[in-house]
Protein backbone atom coordinates (compact mmCIF):
# COMPACT_ATOMS: atom_id res chain seq x y z
CA MET A 1 11.56 54.72 16.82
CA THR A 2 11.57 51.40 15.18
CA ALA A 3 15.24 50.95 13.44
CA VAL A 4 16.28 48.11 10.89
CA ARG A 5 19.78 46.84 10.06
CA ALA A 6 19.49 44.64 7.31
CA ASN A 7 21.96 42.67 5.44
CA LEU A 8 24.93 42.33 8.41
CA ARG A 9 27.90 40.11 7.29
CA LEU A 10 28.37 38.28 10.34
CA ALA A 11 31.48 35.77 10.80
CA ALA A 12 30.62 31.81 11.41
CA PRO A 13 33.45 30.31 13.63
CA ASP A 14 35.22 29.15 10.12
CA GLY A 15 34.75 32.98 8.49
CA THR A 16 31.98 31.92 6.58
CA ALA A 17 29.61 35.40 6.26
CA LEU A 18 26.16 34.75 7.14
CA ALA A 19 23.41 37.56 6.36
CA THR A 20 21.95 38.93 9.18
CA ASP A 21 18.68 40.98 9.90
CA VAL A 22 17.87 43.57 13.17
CA TYR A 23 15.03 45.03 14.18
CA LEU A 24 15.17 47.37 17.03
CA PRO A 25 12.36 48.68 19.38
CA ALA A 26 12.33 52.11 20.02
CA ARG A 27 13.63 51.45 23.52
CA THR A 28 16.62 49.33 24.37
CA PRO A 29 18.07 47.66 25.52
CA ALA A 30 15.28 45.04 25.06
CA PRO A 31 14.69 41.34 24.82
CA VAL A 32 15.86 39.68 21.95
CA VAL A 33 13.84 37.32 19.87
CA VAL A 34 16.33 34.91 17.66
CA THR A 35 15.34 32.87 14.57
CA ARG A 36 17.81 31.23 12.03
CA THR A 37 16.25 29.82 9.12
CA ALA A 38 16.17 28.63 6.01
CA TYR A 39 13.56 29.73 4.33
CA ASP A 40 14.89 32.92 3.19
CA ARG A 41 15.08 36.10 5.97
CA SER A 42 13.38 38.87 4.19
CA ALA A 43 9.79 36.36 4.14
CA GLN A 44 10.14 37.72 8.04
CA LEU A 45 10.63 41.79 7.43
CA GLN A 46 6.76 42.06 8.63
CA GLU A 47 6.99 39.63 11.93
CA GLY A 48 10.59 41.54 12.70
CA LEU A 49 9.33 45.17 12.54
CA GLY A 50 6.02 43.24 14.73
CA TRP A 51 7.96 42.37 17.29
CA ALA A 52 10.30 45.47 17.40
CA ARG A 53 6.72 47.48 17.43
CA ASN A 54 6.12 45.59 20.64
CA GLY A 55 9.32 46.12 22.47
CA TYR A 56 11.31 43.10 21.58
CA ALA A 57 14.81 43.24 19.08
CA PHE A 58 14.69 40.65 16.56
CA VAL A 59 17.36 39.13 14.92
CA VAL A 60 17.24 36.73 11.86
CA GLN A 61 19.50 34.74 9.57
CA ASP A 62 20.15 33.02 6.96
CA VAL A 63 21.46 29.78 7.99
CA ARG A 64 24.86 28.79 6.06
CA GLY A 65 24.17 28.15 2.20
CA ARG A 66 20.79 29.44 2.15
CA TYR A 67 19.92 33.02 0.38
CA GLY A 68 22.49 35.49 1.45
CA SER A 69 24.64 33.51 3.49
CA ASP A 70 27.77 31.91 1.96
CA GLY A 71 28.95 28.33 2.24
CA VAL A 72 26.60 25.52 1.34
CA TRP A 73 23.93 23.96 3.46
CA ARG A 74 24.21 20.73 4.29
CA PRO A 75 20.85 19.55 6.37
CA TYR A 76 21.19 19.48 9.91
CA ARG A 77 24.97 19.81 9.91
CA ALA A 78 26.75 23.56 11.28
CA GLU A 79 23.56 24.77 12.92
CA ARG A 80 25.32 24.06 16.56
CA ARG A 81 28.93 26.30 16.09
CA ASP A 82 26.66 28.98 14.16
CA GLY A 83 23.79 29.44 16.35
CA ALA A 84 26.32 30.09 19.43
CA ALA A 85 28.07 32.29 17.36
CA LEU A 86 25.22 34.36 16.79
CA ALA A 87 24.02 34.17 20.39
CA ASP A 88 27.33 35.19 21.35
CA TRP A 89 27.27 38.03 19.55
CA ILE A 90 23.61 39.31 19.91
CA ALA A 91 24.61 39.20 23.87
CA ALA A 92 27.29 41.45 23.39
CA GLN A 93 25.64 44.38 21.65
CA PRO A 94 24.33 47.07 23.63
CA TRP A 95 20.95 46.52 22.40
CA CYS A 96 20.66 43.65 24.06
CA ASP A 97 19.54 43.19 27.56
CA GLY A 98 21.27 39.45 28.21
CA ARG A 99 17.91 37.89 27.94
CA LEU A 100 17.65 35.44 24.59
CA VAL A 101 14.38 33.61 23.43
CA THR A 102 15.23 31.33 20.50
CA LEU A 103 11.92 30.97 18.12
CA GLY A 104 11.79 28.51 14.78
CA GLY A 105 9.09 26.83 13.13
CA SER A 106 9.72 23.44 11.55
CA TYR A 107 13.78 23.20 10.18
CA SER A 108 14.14 26.93 12.33
CA ALA A 109 12.64 24.85 15.25
CA TYR A 110 15.54 22.58 14.91
CA THR A 111 17.79 26.06 15.02
CA ALA A 112 15.85 26.81 17.92
CA TRP A 113 17.07 24.17 20.34
CA THR A 114 20.83 23.90 19.30
CA THR A 115 21.26 27.21 19.82
CA ALA A 116 19.44 26.93 23.42
CA VAL A 117 21.16 23.28 24.29
CA GLU A 118 24.36 25.42 23.65
CA ARG A 119 23.85 28.64 24.99
CA PRO A 120 21.81 27.95 27.84
CA ARG A 121 22.91 30.43 30.26
CA LEU A 122 22.17 32.88 27.83
CA VAL A 123 18.59 32.01 26.38
CA ALA A 124 15.55 32.24 28.61
CA GLY A 125 13.10 30.75 26.65
CA VAL A 126 12.64 28.42 23.55
CA ILE A 127 9.38 29.08 20.93
CA SER A 128 9.03 25.54 19.37
CA LEU A 129 6.61 24.99 16.42
CA GLY A 130 6.33 22.11 14.64
CA PRO A 131 9.79 21.11 15.06
CA ALA A 132 11.59 18.79 12.65
CA MET A 133 14.17 17.56 14.80
CA GLY A 134 16.22 15.58 12.23
CA LEU A 135 16.43 13.77 8.58
CA ALA A 136 15.82 10.40 10.12
CA ARG A 137 12.65 11.74 12.74
CA VAL A 138 11.04 13.44 9.90
CA LYS A 139 11.51 11.36 6.69
CA PHE A 140 10.12 8.05 8.19
CA ASP A 141 7.64 6.87 10.17
CA ARG A 142 7.72 5.87 13.77
CA SER A 143 7.45 2.38 11.88
CA GLY A 144 10.16 2.80 9.76
CA ILE A 145 8.52 3.18 6.87
CA LEU A 146 9.93 6.07 4.22
CA ARG A 147 7.35 9.10 4.26
CA LEU A 148 7.59 8.80 0.25
CA ALA A 149 5.46 11.88 -0.72
CA GLU A 150 6.89 14.26 2.31
CA HIS A 151 10.27 13.48 1.18
CA ALA A 152 9.83 13.78 -2.13
CA ALA A 153 8.37 17.00 -2.29
CA TRP A 154 10.34 18.66 0.25
CA TRP A 155 14.03 17.70 -0.82
CA LEU A 156 12.54 18.91 -4.45
CA GLU A 157 11.78 22.14 -3.26
CA ARG A 158 13.61 22.88 -0.51
CA ALA A 159 16.79 20.93 -1.03
CA GLU A 160 20.20 21.06 -2.70
CA SER A 161 19.67 24.87 -3.32
CA ARG A 162 20.87 28.14 -2.14
CA THR A 163 17.02 29.18 -2.72
CA SER A 164 13.50 26.60 -2.59
CA ARG A 165 12.03 26.18 -5.47
CA THR A 166 8.37 26.81 -4.11
CA GLY A 167 5.66 25.50 -5.89
CA LEU A 168 8.16 22.90 -7.88
CA ALA A 169 6.34 19.51 -5.96
CA ALA A 170 2.62 20.79 -6.91
CA ALA A 171 3.88 21.17 -10.33
CA MET A 172 5.78 18.28 -11.22
CA PHE A 173 2.76 15.99 -9.24
CA ALA A 174 0.45 17.56 -11.41
CA ALA A 175 1.96 16.71 -14.43
CA GLU A 176 3.50 13.55 -13.47
CA PRO A 177 0.31 12.08 -11.02
CA GLY A 178 1.85 8.41 -11.24
CA LEU A 179 5.53 9.40 -10.72
CA LEU A 180 5.93 7.92 -7.39
CA ARG A 181 4.75 4.23 -8.27
CA HIS A 182 8.09 4.77 -10.12
CA LEU A 183 10.10 1.90 -9.45
CA PRO A 184 12.58 1.17 -8.03
CA VAL A 185 12.18 4.06 -5.21
CA ALA A 186 15.45 4.95 -4.34
CA ASP A 187 15.89 6.01 -8.59
CA LEU A 188 13.35 8.47 -8.16
CA PRO A 189 15.77 11.55 -8.61
CA GLU A 190 15.83 10.27 -12.09
CA ARG A 191 12.53 11.27 -12.96
CA MET A 192 12.06 14.35 -10.51
CA TRP A 193 12.26 18.11 -11.80
CA ALA A 194 15.60 18.82 -10.44
CA HIS A 195 18.64 17.40 -9.99
CA LEU A 196 19.31 16.17 -6.44
CA GLU A 197 22.57 14.31 -5.86
CA HIS A 198 21.77 13.32 -1.99
CA TRP A 199 17.64 12.24 -2.08
CA GLY A 200 18.74 8.54 -1.35
CA ASP A 201 21.49 9.16 1.08
CA THR A 202 18.75 9.46 3.59
CA LEU A 203 17.00 5.83 2.26
CA ALA A 204 20.81 4.67 2.59
CA ALA A 205 21.19 5.57 6.17
CA GLY A 206 17.69 4.76 7.26
CA PRO A 207 15.16 5.17 10.09
CA GLY A 208 17.80 4.46 12.86
CA HIS A 209 20.21 6.80 12.03
CA GLU A 210 21.10 9.72 14.12
CA ALA A 211 22.70 12.93 13.16
CA PRO A 212 25.88 14.00 14.59
CA GLU A 213 24.26 17.23 15.71
CA ALA A 214 20.91 15.60 16.91
CA VAL A 215 19.62 17.57 20.21
CA THR A 216 19.57 14.90 22.43
CA ASP A 217 16.83 14.26 25.58
CA ALA A 218 19.52 14.96 28.16
CA GLU A 219 20.00 18.12 26.55
CA LEU A 220 16.51 18.69 26.84
CA ALA A 221 15.83 17.83 30.09
CA GLY A 222 18.61 19.93 31.61
CA LEU A 223 17.55 23.05 29.90
CA ASP A 224 16.50 25.56 32.74
CA ALA A 225 15.28 27.86 29.87
CA ALA A 226 10.85 28.03 29.92
CA THR A 227 9.60 25.81 26.67
CA LEU A 228 6.57 26.75 24.67
CA HIS A 229 5.48 24.18 22.58
CA ILE A 230 3.21 24.56 19.80
CA GLY A 231 1.70 21.59 17.36
CA GLY A 232 -1.16 20.92 15.47
CA TRP A 233 -3.57 17.62 15.52
CA TYR A 234 -2.85 17.29 11.24
CA ASP A 235 0.54 18.17 11.70
CA LEU A 236 2.96 15.56 10.29
CA LEU A 237 5.45 16.96 12.98
CA LEU A 238 3.27 16.61 15.80
CA PRO A 239 5.28 13.45 17.33
CA GLU A 240 8.48 15.30 17.29
CA THR A 241 6.21 18.51 18.86
CA LEU A 242 5.11 15.83 21.75
CA HIS A 243 8.63 14.55 22.02
CA GLN A 244 10.39 18.20 22.52
CA TRP A 245 7.27 19.34 24.93
CA ARG A 246 8.05 15.64 27.36
CA HIS A 247 11.57 15.41 27.23
CA ALA A 248 12.13 19.20 27.80
CA GLY A 249 12.32 20.78 31.50
CA ALA A 250 10.10 21.59 34.44
CA SER A 251 8.50 24.71 32.80
CA ARG A 252 6.79 23.85 29.62
CA THR A 253 4.22 24.44 28.10
CA LEU A 254 2.03 22.85 25.35
CA LEU A 255 -1.01 24.14 23.04
CA ILE A 256 -1.99 21.50 20.05
CA GLY A 257 -4.66 22.75 18.03
CA PRO A 258 -6.79 21.67 15.13
CA TRP A 259 -4.34 22.23 13.03
CA GLU A 260 -1.75 21.54 10.14
CA HIS A 261 1.81 21.94 9.75
CA ASP A 262 1.04 26.14 9.63
CA LEU A 263 -0.39 25.47 13.05
CA CYS A 264 -2.11 28.70 14.35
CA TRP A 265 -1.15 31.22 11.64
CA SER A 266 -3.76 29.36 9.21
CA GLY A 267 -6.65 31.53 10.48
CA SER A 268 -9.21 28.56 9.09
CA THR A 269 -11.19 26.58 11.20
CA ALA A 270 -11.63 23.32 9.06
CA VAL A 271 -9.47 20.85 7.74
CA GLY A 272 -10.81 18.59 5.22
CA ALA A 273 -14.06 17.56 6.20
CA ARG A 274 -13.49 18.52 9.92
CA GLU A 275 -15.19 21.93 10.97
CA HIS A 276 -13.79 22.66 14.33
CA GLY A 277 -15.61 26.15 15.18
CA PRO A 278 -14.25 29.44 15.80
CA ALA A 279 -12.75 27.75 19.39
CA ALA A 280 -10.29 26.73 17.16
CA ARG A 281 -8.99 30.12 16.20
CA VAL A 282 -6.01 31.81 18.33
CA ASP A 283 -4.32 34.68 17.69
CA PRO A 284 -0.63 33.75 17.42
CA GLY A 285 0.96 36.89 17.93
CA ARG A 286 -1.19 37.95 21.06
CA LEU A 287 -0.47 34.28 22.32
CA LEU A 288 3.55 34.50 21.81
CA LEU A 289 3.44 38.04 23.37
CA ARG A 290 1.07 36.79 26.57
CA TRP A 291 3.80 33.93 27.48
CA LEU A 292 6.90 35.76 27.01
CA ASP A 293 5.56 38.75 29.30
CA ARG A 294 4.78 35.96 31.89
CA ILE A 295 8.34 34.33 31.31
CA LEU A 296 10.40 37.12 31.05
CA ASN A 297 9.13 38.73 34.26
CA GLY A 298 9.41 36.28 36.89
CA ASP A 299 6.96 33.52 36.43
CA PRO A 300 8.27 30.46 34.11
CA GLY A 301 5.23 28.28 35.35
CA GLY A 302 5.91 24.42 35.61
CA ALA A 303 4.39 22.08 33.19
CA GLU A 304 0.55 23.04 31.37
CA ALA A 305 -1.19 21.20 28.56
CA ARG A 306 -3.70 23.11 26.61
CA VAL A 307 -5.29 20.84 23.61
CA PHE A 308 -8.23 21.24 21.67
CA ASP A 309 -10.73 18.01 21.54
CA ILE A 310 -11.48 17.75 17.61
CA GLY A 311 -15.06 16.48 18.55
CA ALA A 312 -15.88 18.27 21.12
CA GLY A 313 -14.66 22.06 19.58
CA ARG A 314 -13.45 23.17 22.71
CA TRP A 315 -9.94 23.65 24.57
CA TRP A 316 -9.00 21.43 27.39
CA THR A 317 -6.29 22.06 30.29
CA GLY A 318 -3.98 20.44 32.33
CA ALA A 319 -0.79 19.39 33.91
CA GLU A 320 0.25 16.49 31.30
CA TRP A 321 -0.22 14.91 28.09
CA PRO A 322 -1.80 12.56 27.76
CA PRO A 323 -4.12 12.79 31.12
CA ALA A 324 -4.63 9.69 33.96
CA ALA A 325 -7.35 8.15 31.56
CA GLY A 326 -9.00 4.91 31.68
CA GLU A 327 -9.02 2.27 29.13
CA ARG A 328 -11.40 0.45 26.76
CA THR A 329 -10.81 -2.42 24.42
CA TRP A 330 -12.67 -3.62 21.51
CA TYR A 331 -11.88 -6.78 19.84
CA ALA A 332 -12.35 -7.40 16.41
CA GLY A 333 -14.94 -10.75 15.28
CA GLN A 334 -15.16 -12.56 12.23
CA GLY A 335 -16.85 -10.52 9.66
CA GLY A 336 -16.70 -7.20 10.76
CA THR A 337 -18.03 -6.90 14.51
CA LEU A 338 -15.74 -4.92 17.45
CA THR A 339 -16.91 -5.52 20.67
CA PRO A 340 -16.08 -5.09 24.34
CA ASP A 341 -15.71 -8.76 24.74
CA ALA A 342 -13.82 -11.51 22.24
CA PRO A 343 -15.27 -13.46 19.86
CA GLY A 344 -14.90 -17.10 19.37
CA ASP A 345 -12.08 -17.85 16.92
CA GLY A 346 -11.92 -16.56 13.70
CA ALA A 347 -10.15 -15.05 10.77
CA ASP A 348 -11.01 -12.09 7.95
CA ARG A 349 -8.69 -11.87 4.42
CA TYR A 350 -8.03 -9.67 2.05
CA SER A 351 -5.69 -9.47 -0.97
CA TYR A 352 -2.77 -6.50 -1.04
CA ASP A 353 -1.55 -5.85 -4.41
CA PRO A 354 1.30 -2.79 -4.17
CA ALA A 355 0.27 -2.34 -8.37
CA ASP A 356 -3.17 -0.70 -6.87
CA PRO A 357 -2.30 0.27 -3.16
CA TYR A 358 -4.56 1.08 -0.90
CA PRO A 359 -4.53 5.35 -1.09
CA SER A 360 -3.97 7.39 1.19
CA ALA A 361 -6.16 10.48 1.76
CA ASP A 362 -6.11 14.19 2.99
CA PRO A 363 -5.83 15.41 6.36
CA GLY A 364 -9.27 15.43 7.62
CA ALA A 365 -10.76 13.91 4.82
CA ASP A 366 -14.22 11.85 4.36
CA ARG A 367 -13.08 8.64 4.01
CA SER A 368 -16.17 7.30 3.59
CA ALA A 369 -15.86 6.61 -0.15
CA LEU A 370 -12.57 4.38 0.65
CA GLN A 371 -14.74 2.10 2.50
CA GLY A 372 -15.73 -0.08 -0.45
CA ARG A 373 -12.27 -0.68 -1.06
CA ALA A 374 -11.84 -4.85 -0.85
CA ASP A 375 -7.93 -4.29 -0.06
CA ALA A 376 -8.60 -4.15 3.59
CA VAL A 377 -10.73 -5.47 6.43
CA ARG A 378 -12.97 -3.70 8.91
CA TYR A 379 -14.46 -4.04 12.58
CA THR A 380 -17.36 -2.00 13.76
CA THR A 381 -18.86 -0.80 17.09
CA ASP A 382 -22.40 -0.70 17.54
CA PRO A 383 -23.52 2.78 17.91
CA LEU A 384 -22.01 4.65 20.87
CA ALA A 385 -24.84 4.59 23.90
CA ALA A 386 -23.21 7.46 24.94
CA ALA A 387 -20.77 10.40 23.93
CA LEU A 388 -17.11 8.97 24.39
CA THR A 389 -13.63 11.17 24.89
CA ILE A 390 -10.35 9.70 23.37
CA ALA A 391 -7.71 11.29 24.84
CA GLY A 392 -4.14 9.99 24.04
CA ALA A 393 -2.64 7.59 21.87
CA PRO A 394 -4.63 4.56 21.00
CA ALA A 395 -3.10 0.81 20.41
CA VAL A 396 -4.08 -2.15 18.56
CA THR A 397 -3.07 -5.82 18.71
CA LEU A 398 -2.58 -6.99 16.00
CA HIS A 399 -2.39 -10.75 15.19
CA ALA A 400 -2.20 -11.23 11.60
CA SER A 401 0.07 -13.51 9.01
CA THR A 402 0.84 -13.06 5.56
CA SER A 403 1.70 -15.45 2.34
CA ALA A 404 4.87 -12.93 1.70
CA GLY A 405 8.07 -13.24 3.35
CA GLY A 406 7.51 -9.54 4.76
CA THR A 407 5.00 -6.57 4.17
CA ASP A 408 2.95 -3.88 6.07
CA PHE A 409 -0.15 -3.74 8.56
CA ILE A 410 -1.85 -0.43 8.77
CA ALA A 411 -3.97 0.03 11.35
CA ARG A 412 -6.52 3.33 11.31
CA LEU A 413 -9.51 4.10 13.68
CA LEU A 414 -12.15 5.58 12.30
CA GLU A 415 -15.37 7.48 13.38
CA CYS A 416 -18.09 6.63 11.51
CA ARG A 417 -21.16 9.26 11.96
CA PRO A 418 -24.48 8.60 11.44
CA ASP A 419 -24.74 11.07 7.83
CA GLY A 420 -22.18 8.12 6.45
CA THR A 421 -19.11 10.63 7.20
CA VAL A 422 -16.02 8.57 8.03
CA LEU A 423 -12.77 10.24 9.80
CA ALA A 424 -9.79 9.57 10.79
CA LEU A 425 -8.90 9.59 14.27
CA ALA A 426 -5.91 7.66 14.29
CA GLN A 427 -3.03 5.50 12.59
CA GLY A 428 0.09 4.00 12.70
CA ALA A 429 2.08 0.60 10.84
CA VAL A 430 3.72 -1.92 11.03
CA ASP A 431 6.48 -3.80 8.52
CA THR A 432 6.44 -6.87 9.76
CA GLY A 433 10.58 -7.49 8.69
CA ARG A 434 11.27 -4.98 11.75
CA THR A 435 9.39 -6.79 14.71
CA ALA A 436 7.94 -9.59 15.43
CA ALA A 437 4.02 -11.30 15.61
CA PRO A 438 1.88 -10.21 17.67
CA TYR A 439 2.07 -6.84 16.44
CA ARG A 440 0.96 -3.75 18.68
CA ILE A 441 0.58 -0.61 16.77
CA GLU A 442 0.99 2.39 18.80
CA LEU A 443 -1.27 4.92 16.84
CA ASP A 444 -1.36 8.82 16.72
CA HIS A 445 -2.30 11.22 19.74
CA VAL A 446 -6.14 12.52 19.46
CA ALA A 447 -8.11 14.43 21.60
CA ALA A 448 -11.58 13.83 20.22
CA THR A 449 -15.19 13.49 21.51
CA ILE A 450 -17.34 10.89 19.75
CA ALA A 451 -21.05 12.02 19.74
CA ALA A 452 -23.38 9.16 21.06
CA GLY A 453 -24.66 7.67 17.82
CA ALA A 454 -21.50 7.46 16.04
CA ARG A 455 -19.68 4.26 15.82
CA LEU A 456 -15.69 3.31 16.18
CA ARG A 457 -14.28 1.15 13.34
CA LEU A 458 -10.72 -0.41 13.30
CA GLU A 459 -9.44 -0.37 9.61
CA ILE A 460 -6.53 -2.69 8.69
CA THR A 461 -5.06 -2.72 5.26
CA SER A 462 -1.35 -2.83 3.79
CA SER A 463 -0.25 0.69 2.47
CA ASP A 464 -1.27 4.42 3.26
CA PHE A 465 0.14 5.05 -0.68
CA PRO A 466 2.17 7.48 -1.08
CA TYR A 467 2.05 8.66 2.37
CA LEU A 468 4.10 5.55 3.09
CA ALA A 469 6.42 3.81 0.55
CA ARG A 470 4.35 0.76 0.09
CA HIS A 471 6.19 -2.67 0.85
CA LEU A 472 6.24 -5.02 -2.70
CA ASN A 473 6.36 -8.41 -0.74
CA THR A 474 9.31 -9.81 -2.82
CA GLY A 475 12.08 -8.76 0.03
CA PRO A 476 12.74 -6.65 2.76
CA ASP A 477 14.56 -3.43 0.42
CA ARG A 478 11.31 -1.66 -0.72
CA TYR A 479 13.51 0.91 -1.70
CA ARG A 480 15.79 -0.80 -4.53
CA GLY A 481 13.38 -3.58 -5.62
CA THR A 482 11.27 -3.78 -9.25
CA GLY A 483 9.24 -6.31 -8.54
CA VAL A 484 6.10 -6.76 -6.99
CA ARG A 485 3.66 -10.00 -5.70
CA VAL A 486 -0.17 -9.53 -4.37
CA ALA A 487 0.23 -10.91 -0.60
CA GLU A 488 -2.70 -12.82 1.08
CA GLN A 489 -3.15 -11.27 4.78
CA THR A 490 -5.18 -12.87 7.24
CA ILE A 491 -6.20 -11.35 10.52
CA HIS A 492 -6.58 -13.42 13.28
CA SER A 493 -9.72 -13.16 15.82
CA GLY A 494 -10.39 -15.03 18.84
CA PRO A 495 -9.00 -15.29 22.44
CA ALA A 496 -6.50 -18.15 20.85
CA GLY A 497 -5.01 -14.75 19.07
CA PRO A 498 -7.01 -11.52 19.85
CA THR A 499 -6.89 -8.82 17.57
CA ALA A 500 -8.13 -5.43 19.14
CA VAL A 501 -8.34 -1.84 20.07
CA THR A 502 -6.93 -0.04 22.98
CA VAL A 503 -8.43 3.57 23.45
CA PRO A 504 -7.92 5.54 26.42
CA VAL A 505 -10.93 7.00 27.26
CA LEU A 506 -11.39 10.45 30.07
CA GLU A 507 -14.42 9.66 32.20
CA ASN A 508 -14.60 13.20 33.73
CA PRO A 509 -12.82 15.91 30.67
CA TRP A 510 -10.30 18.23 31.57
CA PRO A 511 -12.13 21.78 32.83
CA THR A 512 -12.32 23.54 29.71
CA ARG A 513 -10.78 27.10 29.24
């Protein structure tokens, strides 16, 4: 019968007591699934019992300074040594058969990776679910711009506390919907609903900062463990999922579905206005058990990618992501055209006012109501004569100028359906103070079949607020400035300075499964 040994106090290398629960199957020794969490080990009671019912031991530990564990939690610190110590302790137990699999989502995925690279001879597999691999990598967009709303909400609810303040961010924003407009951004903690002494440390460190305990690409490549990477097209951390999969060892499996950060555990088939159909549902328990059964019984496999086409509502499989694909380029033309042929020289203009920034929209939202805003320019194709399958990361070449000393440009590829619905496919950003013109903006990865009759639209604006901290157009430091100015933005087109979007296109889509 299943046995549970809860509230064990295991000593970390420095003597700090770390609260640990153990779930044992009826038959031991057994392989062991290991999770180290910042979000309360007791919340994983049912998961632990489920693993035990299926023949696996399950060990879950609160990271230091959180919930039942002693010490002080400093995100992304001490996790290597604490995880290694836990792996050593498990390997020495009579109920462990010597095969460990580290498992985690978000911050716990980071701890899964640190344990694996610290004890590669003990860890047979890693299950990585939407990994949050470091403050600089999570809190800043790849453009180097702060993900303002995420940083404010996560730090308020999770950081600088022994327990989470779940729901506090939603309550605060409901009571003060304009709070994130406060300037300077660096002083936001003075307005937020908790004492947050270290909220600004991330701003001070900046997007280029790498924590001393970062998991390196060389460490990932050197792992012999089989790895399973699960991510969502609508997940903020999709770039991290793809990064880990791309750099992990030879035995690696990728699964990207039409999900947000809760991935396939949500059970929903829709995100915003996008309905993906019944194929979007995946049984996570069955998925993990089948993968573990395969890799622990001598079949680690090679590289495999399985991704969901958000337009066709079906899964593709192949050996790599992105797959080998052709390219199609559309050029922006003055007045809003988007054509395969470069037009004559021209320019389109708009005003960007940081006091009235272009607003963010929820994942999957119908963006048609935003298309009337004047603080953007838009270029649209003719209706597609045939369906088009996009697979990979589109890229925008942007020839643009500004009346400000520095500013942002946000590029967004949209799907415009015949019924008037407008849905985002991918977007990217550039801070003109961090790179030279002309600007190359790599957009998000996407797998989507666009139906015949729909149109593609390239939208250029200068903010995505509050998802990204807005540029103030008054200097290089958007986080400590208080003054704003309106910038006149010019998007150039034509042979001398083309603005264009290049899209990876599958001529022969992957076989479905």
